[in-house]
């Protein structure tokens, strides 16, 4: 897994990313593998690093990216 060196986020941004990840995972059928959660998290971190702060958009784009990888 890629390490995001030099990337830091404010507590508010971390809360937004957490919200997006939790909501994305909730939409998936159980059981959700740890690999799937890691892919979603990576996508959300990438979006946040690009300046995205909309949790709904982050959730949808992370799920879309996940769908294209499976």
PDB file of N, CA and C in Angstrom:
ATOM      1  N   UNK A   1       0.848  -1.173   0.000  1.00  0.00           N
ATOM      2  CA  UNK A   1       0.000   0.000   0.000  1.00  0.00           C
ATOM      3  C   UNK A   1       0.895   1.237   0.000  1.00  0.00           C
ATOM      4  N   UNK A   2       0.519   2.203  -0.776  1.00  0.00           N
ATOM      5  CA  UNK A   2       1.278   3.444  -0.897  1.00  0.00           C
ATOM      6  C   UNK A   2       1.203   4.236   0.409  1.00  0.00           C
ATOM      7  N   UNK A   3       2.334   4.772   0.807  1.00  0.00           N
ATOM      8  CA  UNK A   3       2.393   5.620   1.997  1.00  0.00           C
ATOM      9  C   UNK A   3       2.279   7.066   1.528  1.00  0.00           C
ATOM     10  N   UNK A   4       1.440   7.837   2.190  1.00  0.00           N
ATOM     11  CA  UNK A   4       1.185   9.214   1.797  1.00  0.00           C
ATOM     12  C   UNK A   4       2.117  10.141   2.560  1.00  0.00           C
ATOM     13  N   UNK A   5       3.380  10.139   2.171  1.00  0.00           N
ATOM     14  CA  UNK A   5       4.370  10.966   2.843  1.00  0.00           C
ATOM     15  C   UNK A   5       4.130  12.438   2.526  1.00  0.00           C
ATOM     16  N   UNK A   6       4.286  13.251   3.542  1.00  0.00           N
ATOM     17  CA  UNK A   6       4.142  14.682   3.348  1.00  0.00           C
ATOM     18  C   UNK A   6       2.707  15.158   3.278  1.00  0.00           C
ATOM     19  N   UNK A   7       1.759  14.251   3.423  1.00  0.00           N
ATOM     20  CA  UNK A   7       0.355  14.634   3.370  1.00  0.00           C
ATOM     21  C   UNK A   7      -0.174  14.699   4.795  1.00  0.00           C
ATOM     22  N   UNK A   8      -0.777  15.818   5.138  1.00  0.00           N
ATOM     23  CA  UNK A   8      -1.410  15.937   6.445  1.00  0.00           C
ATOM     24  C   UNK A   8      -2.772  16.580   6.263  1.00  0.00           C
ATOM     25  N   UNK A   9      -3.668  16.225   7.165  1.00  0.00           N
ATOM     26  CA  UNK A   9      -5.041  16.710   7.087  1.00  0.00           C
ATOM     27  C   UNK A   9      -5.464  17.261   8.437  1.00  0.00           C
ATOM     28  N   UNK A  10      -6.318  18.261   8.396  1.00  0.00           N
ATOM     29  CA  UNK A  10      -6.847  18.845   9.628  1.00  0.00           C
ATOM     30  C   UNK A  10      -7.812  17.847  10.277  1.00  0.00           C
ATOM     31  N   UNK A  11      -8.081  18.026  11.567  1.00  0.00           N
ATOM     32  CA  UNK A  11      -9.061  17.158  12.225  1.00  0.00           C
ATOM     33  C   UNK A  11     -10.422  17.193  11.529  1.00  0.00           C
ATOM     34  N   UNK A  12     -10.813  18.357  11.027  1.00  0.00           N
ATOM     35  CA  UNK A  12     -12.095  18.471  10.329  1.00  0.00           C
ATOM     36  C   UNK A  12     -12.088  17.635   9.048  1.00  0.00           C
ATOM     37  N   UNK A  13     -10.996  17.671   8.314  1.00  0.00           N
ATOM     38  CA  UNK A  13     -10.891  16.893   7.079  1.00  0.00           C
ATOM     39  C   UNK A  13     -10.878  15.408   7.390  1.00  0.00           C
ATOM     40  N   UNK A  14     -10.204  15.014   8.461  1.00  0.00           N
ATOM     41  CA  UNK A  14     -10.184  13.608   8.852  1.00  0.00           C
ATOM     42  C   UNK A  14     -11.594  13.143   9.208  1.00  0.00           C
ATOM     43  N   UNK A  15     -12.354  13.988   9.864  1.00  0.00           N
ATOM     44  CA  UNK A  15     -13.742  13.644  10.201  1.00  0.00           C
ATOM     45  C   UNK A  15     -14.576  13.471   8.925  1.00  0.00           C
ATOM     46  N   UNK A  16     -14.361  14.321   7.944  1.00  0.00           N
ATOM     47  CA  UNK A  16     -15.076  14.218   6.669  1.00  0.00           C
ATOM     48  C   UNK A  16     -14.695  12.930   5.949  1.00  0.00           C
ATOM     49  N   UNK A  17     -13.401  12.613   5.937  1.00  0.00           N
ATOM     50  CA  UNK A  17     -12.951  11.380   5.287  1.00  0.00           C
ATOM     51  C   UNK A  17     -13.520  10.148   5.993  1.00  0.00           C
ATOM     52  N   UNK A  18     -13.547  10.198   7.318  1.00  0.00           N
ATOM     53  CA  UNK A  18     -14.103   9.082   8.091  1.00  0.00           C
ATOM     54  C   UNK A  18     -15.575   8.892   7.772  1.00  0.00           C
ATOM     55  N   UNK A  19     -16.307   9.986   7.708  1.00  0.00           N
ATOM     56  CA  UNK A  19     -17.729   9.932   7.372  1.00  0.00           C
ATOM     57  C   UNK A  19     -17.922   9.316   5.986  1.00  0.00           C
ATOM     58  N   UNK A  20     -17.146   9.756   5.022  1.00  0.00           N
ATOM     59  CA  UNK A  20     -17.261   9.238   3.658  1.00  0.00           C
ATOM     60  C   UNK A  20     -16.954   7.739   3.619  1.00  0.00           C
ATOM     61  N   UNK A  21     -15.918   7.322   4.326  1.00  0.00           N
ATOM     62  CA  UNK A  21     -15.546   5.905   4.339  1.00  0.00           C
ATOM     63  C   UNK A  21     -16.625   5.059   5.006  1.00  0.00           C
ATOM     64  N   UNK A  22     -17.097   5.484   6.164  1.00  0.00           N
ATOM     65  CA  UNK A  22     -18.131   4.720   6.866  1.00  0.00           C
ATOM     66  C   UNK A  22     -19.395   4.589   6.032  1.00  0.00           C
ATOM     67  N   UNK A  23     -19.797   5.675   5.385  1.00  0.00           N
ATOM     68  CA  UNK A  23     -21.005   5.623   4.552  1.00  0.00           C
ATOM     69  C   UNK A  23     -20.799   4.749   3.327  1.00  0.00           C
ATOM     70  N   UNK A  24     -19.606   4.777   2.753  1.00  0.00           N
ATOM     71  CA  UNK A  24     -19.321   3.925   1.595  1.00  0.00           C
ATOM     72  C   UNK A  24     -19.385   2.460   1.982  1.00  0.00           C
ATOM     73  N   UNK A  25     -18.777   2.108   3.100  1.00  0.00           N
ATOM     74  CA  UNK A  25     -18.776   0.715   3.556  1.00  0.00           C
ATOM     75  C   UNK A  25     -20.201   0.249   3.846  1.00  0.00           C
ATOM     76  N   UNK A  26     -21.033   1.124   4.417  1.00  0.00           N
ATOM     77  CA  UNK A  26     -22.416   0.772   4.744  1.00  0.00           C
ATOM     78  C   UNK A  26     -23.230   0.418   3.498  1.00  0.00           C
ATOM     79  N   UNK A  27     -22.840   0.936   2.341  1.00  0.00           N
ATOM     80  CA  UNK A  27     -23.611   0.663   1.123  1.00  0.00           C
ATOM     81  C   UNK A  27     -23.273  -0.691   0.507  1.00  0.00           C
ATOM     82  N   UNK A  28     -22.172  -1.306   0.942  1.00  0.00           N
ATOM     83  CA  UNK A  28     -21.728  -2.557   0.342  1.00  0.00           C
ATOM     84  C   UNK A  28     -22.355  -3.760   1.041  1.00  0.00           C
ATOM     85  N   UNK A  29     -22.581  -4.838   0.283  1.00  0.00           N
ATOM     86  CA  UNK A  29     -23.117  -6.047   0.919  1.00  0.00           C
ATOM     87  C   UNK A  29     -22.070  -6.685   1.827  1.00  0.00           C
ATOM     88  N   UNK A  30     -22.531  -7.243   2.922  1.00  0.00           N
ATOM     89  CA  UNK A  30     -21.624  -7.903   3.863  1.00  0.00           C
ATOM     90  C   UNK A  30     -21.311  -9.300   3.373  1.00  0.00           C
ATOM     91  N   UNK A  31     -20.164  -9.839   3.694  1.00  0.00           N
ATOM     92  CA  UNK A  31     -19.077  -9.224   4.435  1.00  0.00           C
ATOM     93  C   UNK A  31     -18.231  -8.339   3.521  1.00  0.00           C
ATOM     94  N   UNK A  32     -17.720  -7.262   4.069  1.00  0.00           N
ATOM     95  CA  UNK A  32     -16.841  -6.351   3.334  1.00  0.00           C
ATOM     96  C   UNK A  32     -15.410  -6.695   3.730  1.00  0.00           C
ATOM     97  N   UNK A  33     -14.595  -7.052   2.752  1.00  0.00           N
ATOM     98  CA  UNK A  33     -13.218  -7.461   3.045  1.00  0.00           C
ATOM     99  C   UNK A  33     -12.365  -6.265   3.447  1.00  0.00           C
ATOM    100  N   UNK A  34     -11.301  -6.557   4.172  1.00  0.00           N
ATOM    101  CA  UNK A  34     -10.386  -5.485   4.571  1.00  0.00           C
ATOM    102  C   UNK A  34      -9.718  -4.868   3.346  1.00  0.00           C
ATOM    103  N   UNK A  35      -9.493  -5.662   2.308  1.00  0.00           N
ATOM    104  CA  UNK A  35      -8.920  -5.131   1.076  1.00  0.00           C
ATOM    105  C   UNK A  35      -9.835  -4.109   0.421  1.00  0.00           C
ATOM    106  N   UNK A  36     -11.126  -4.379   0.462  1.00  0.00           N
ATOM    107  CA  UNK A  36     -12.103  -3.441  -0.099  1.00  0.00           C
ATOM    108  C   UNK A  36     -12.105  -2.142   0.698  1.00  0.00           C
ATOM    109  N   UNK A  37     -12.065  -2.247   2.016  1.00  0.00           N
ATOM    110  CA  UNK A  37     -12.038  -1.056   2.866  1.00  0.00           C
ATOM    111  C   UNK A  37     -10.763  -0.257   2.593  1.00  0.00           C
ATOM    112  N   UNK A  38      -9.648  -0.947   2.412  1.00  0.00           N
ATOM    113  CA  UNK A  38      -8.391  -0.259   2.124  1.00  0.00           C
ATOM    114  C   UNK A  38      -8.447   0.477   0.795  1.00  0.00           C
ATOM    115  N   UNK A  39      -9.047  -0.139  -0.224  1.00  0.00           N
ATOM    116  CA  UNK A  39      -9.184   0.540  -1.522  1.00  0.00           C
ATOM    117  C   UNK A  39     -10.064   1.776  -1.412  1.00  0.00           C
ATOM    118  N   UNK A  40     -11.173   1.648  -0.686  1.00  0.00           N
ATOM    119  CA  UNK A  40     -12.048   2.806  -0.484  1.00  0.00           C
ATOM    120  C   UNK A  40     -11.295   3.917   0.241  1.00  0.00           C
ATOM    121  N   UNK A  41     -10.582   3.543   1.300  1.00  0.00           N
ATOM    122  CA  UNK A  41      -9.838   4.532   2.084  1.00  0.00           C
ATOM    123  C   UNK A  41      -8.784   5.228   1.229  1.00  0.00           C
ATOM    124  N   UNK A  42      -8.059   4.460   0.427  1.00  0.00           N
ATOM    125  CA  UNK A  42      -7.038   5.051  -0.446  1.00  0.00           C
ATOM    126  C   UNK A  42      -7.671   6.050  -1.403  1.00  0.00           C
ATOM    127  N   UNK A  43      -8.791   5.687  -1.994  1.00  0.00           N
ATOM    128  CA  UNK A  43      -9.466   6.594  -2.915  1.00  0.00           C
ATOM    129  C   UNK A  43      -9.918   7.873  -2.211  1.00  0.00           C
ATOM    130  N   UNK A  44     -10.431   7.739  -1.006  1.00  0.00           N
ATOM    131  CA  UNK A  44     -10.891   8.906  -0.254  1.00  0.00           C
ATOM    132  C   UNK A  44      -9.704   9.791   0.133  1.00  0.00           C
ATOM    133  N   UNK A  45      -8.608   9.182   0.543  1.00  0.00           N
ATOM    134  CA  UNK A  45      -7.410   9.961   0.871  1.00  0.00           C
ATOM    135  C   UNK A  45      -6.905  10.704  -0.363  1.00  0.00           C
ATOM    136  N   UNK A  46      -6.895  10.023  -1.500  1.00  0.00           N
ATOM    137  CA  UNK A  46      -6.473  10.681  -2.743  1.00  0.00           C
ATOM    138  C   UNK A  46      -7.356  11.887  -3.045  1.00  0.00           C
ATOM    139  N   UNK A  47      -8.659  11.727  -2.890  1.00  0.00           N
ATOM    140  CA  UNK A  47      -9.582  12.836  -3.152  1.00  0.00           C
ATOM    141  C   UNK A  47      -9.336  13.992  -2.187  1.00  0.00           C
ATOM    142  N   UNK A  48      -9.141  13.679  -0.917  1.00  0.00           N
ATOM    143  CA  UNK A  48      -8.874  14.723   0.074  1.00  0.00           C
ATOM    144  C   UNK A  48      -7.561  15.434  -0.232  1.00  0.00           C
ATOM    145  N   UNK A  49      -6.567  14.683  -0.677  1.00  0.00           N
ATOM    146  CA  UNK A  49      -5.281  15.284  -1.015  1.00  0.00           C
ATOM    147  C   UNK A  49      -5.407  16.243  -2.197  1.00  0.00           C
ATOM    148  N   UNK A  50      -6.421  16.018  -3.043  1.00  0.00           N
ATOM    149  CA  UNK A  50      -6.672  16.895  -4.184  1.00  0.00           C
ATOM    150  C   UNK A  50      -7.572  18.070  -3.807  1.00  0.00           C
ATOM    151  N   UNK A  51      -7.990  18.125  -2.531  1.00  0.00           N
ATOM    152  CA  UNK A  51      -8.775  19.263  -2.061  1.00  0.00           C
ATOM    153  C   UNK A  51     -10.259  19.018  -1.912  1.00  0.00           C
ATOM    154  N   UNK A  52     -10.742  17.832  -2.223  1.00  0.00           N
ATOM    155  CA  UNK A  52     -12.169  17.544  -2.093  1.00  0.00           C
ATOM    156  C   UNK A  52     -12.543  17.487  -0.618  1.00  0.00           C
ATOM    157  N   UNK A  53     -13.639  18.121  -0.243  1.00  0.00           N
ATOM    158  CA  UNK A  53     -14.091  18.122   1.148  1.00  0.00           C
ATOM    159  C   UNK A  53     -15.578  17.803   1.267  1.00  0.00           C
ATOM    160  N   UNK A  54     -16.186  17.308   0.204  1.00  0.00           N
ATOM    161  CA  UNK A  54     -17.598  16.952   0.215  1.00  0.00           C
ATOM    162  C   UNK A  54     -17.713  15.451   0.499  1.00  0.00           C
ATOM    163  N   UNK A  55     -18.201  15.055   1.688  1.00  0.00           N
ATOM    164  CA  UNK A  55     -18.219  13.638   2.028  1.00  0.00           C
ATOM    165  C   UNK A  55     -19.086  12.791   1.093  1.00  0.00           C
ATOM    166  N   UNK A  56     -20.185  13.337   0.623  1.00  0.00           N
ATOM    167  CA  UNK A  56     -21.049  12.582  -0.283  1.00  0.00           C
ATOM    168  C   UNK A  56     -20.343  12.336  -1.616  1.00  0.00           C
ATOM    169  N   UNK A  57     -19.702  13.355  -2.129  1.00  0.00           N
ATOM    170  CA  UNK A  57     -18.953  13.217  -3.386  1.00  0.00           C
ATOM    171  C   UNK A  57     -17.798  12.236  -3.214  1.00  0.00           C
ATOM    172  N   UNK A  58     -17.083  12.345  -2.098  1.00  0.00           N
ATOM    173  CA  UNK A  58     -15.974  11.440  -1.833  1.00  0.00           C
ATOM    174  C   UNK A  58     -16.466   9.991  -1.781  1.00  0.00           C
ATOM    175  N   UNK A  59     -17.578   9.776  -1.110  1.00  0.00           N
ATOM    176  CA  UNK A  59     -18.160   8.434  -1.011  1.00  0.00           C
ATOM    177  C   UNK A  59     -18.486   7.894  -2.393  1.00  0.00           C
ATOM    178  N   UNK A  60     -19.186   8.689  -3.186  1.00  0.00           N
ATOM    179  CA  UNK A  60     -19.614   8.235  -4.507  1.00  0.00           C
ATOM    180  C   UNK A  60     -18.424   7.973  -5.432  1.00  0.00           C
ATOM    181  N   UNK A  61     -17.447   8.853  -5.430  1.00  0.00           N
ATOM    182  CA  UNK A  61     -16.279   8.660  -6.290  1.00  0.00           C
ATOM    183  C   UNK A  61     -15.439   7.467  -5.845  1.00  0.00           C
ATOM    184  N   UNK A  62     -15.335   7.244  -4.534  1.00  0.00           N
ATOM    185  CA  UNK A  62     -14.590   6.082  -4.038  1.00  0.00           C
ATOM    186  C   UNK A  62     -15.294   4.785  -4.431  1.00  0.00           C
ATOM    187  N   UNK A  63     -16.620   4.773  -4.329  1.00  0.00           N
ATOM    188  CA  UNK A  63     -17.376   3.580  -4.734  1.00  0.00           C
ATOM    189  C   UNK A  63     -17.274   3.346  -6.235  1.00  0.00           C
ATOM    190  N   UNK A  64     -17.305   4.413  -7.003  1.00  0.00           N
ATOM    191  CA  UNK A  64     -17.163   4.297  -8.450  1.00  0.00           C
ATOM    192  C   UNK A  64     -15.790   3.737  -8.817  1.00  0.00           C
ATOM    193  N   UNK A  65     -14.758   4.245  -8.180  1.00  0.00           N
ATOM    194  CA  UNK A  65     -13.406   3.741  -8.422  1.00  0.00           C
ATOM    195  C   UNK A  65     -13.289   2.276  -8.032  1.00  0.00           C
ATOM    196  N   UNK A  66     -13.930   1.904  -6.951  1.00  0.00           N
ATOM    197  CA  UNK A  66     -13.930   0.513  -6.513  1.00  0.00           C
ATOM    198  C   UNK A  66     -14.617  -0.366  -7.552  1.00  0.00           C
ATOM    199  N   UNK A  67     -15.721   0.103  -8.074  1.00  0.00           N
ATOM    200  CA  UNK A  67     -16.479  -0.647  -9.072  1.00  0.00           C
ATOM    201  C   UNK A  67     -15.650  -0.872 -10.340  1.00  0.00           C
ATOM    202  N   UNK A  68     -14.848   0.084 -10.730  1.00  0.00           N
ATOM    203  CA  UNK A  68     -14.055  -0.065 -11.948  1.00  0.00           C
ATOM    204  C   UNK A  68     -12.857  -0.984 -11.744  1.00  0.00           C
ATOM    205  N   UNK A  69     -12.480  -1.232 -10.467  1.00  0.00           N
ATOM    206  CA  UNK A  69     -11.343  -2.116 -10.183  1.00  0.00           C
ATOM    207  C   UNK A  69     -11.767  -3.567  -9.996  1.00  0.00           C
ATOM    208  N   UNK A  70     -13.070  -3.812  -9.888  1.00  0.00           N
ATOM    209  CA  UNK A  70     -13.528  -5.189  -9.682  1.00  0.00           C
ATOM    210  C   UNK A  70     -14.119  -5.765 -10.922  1.00  0.00           C
TER     211      UNK A  70
END
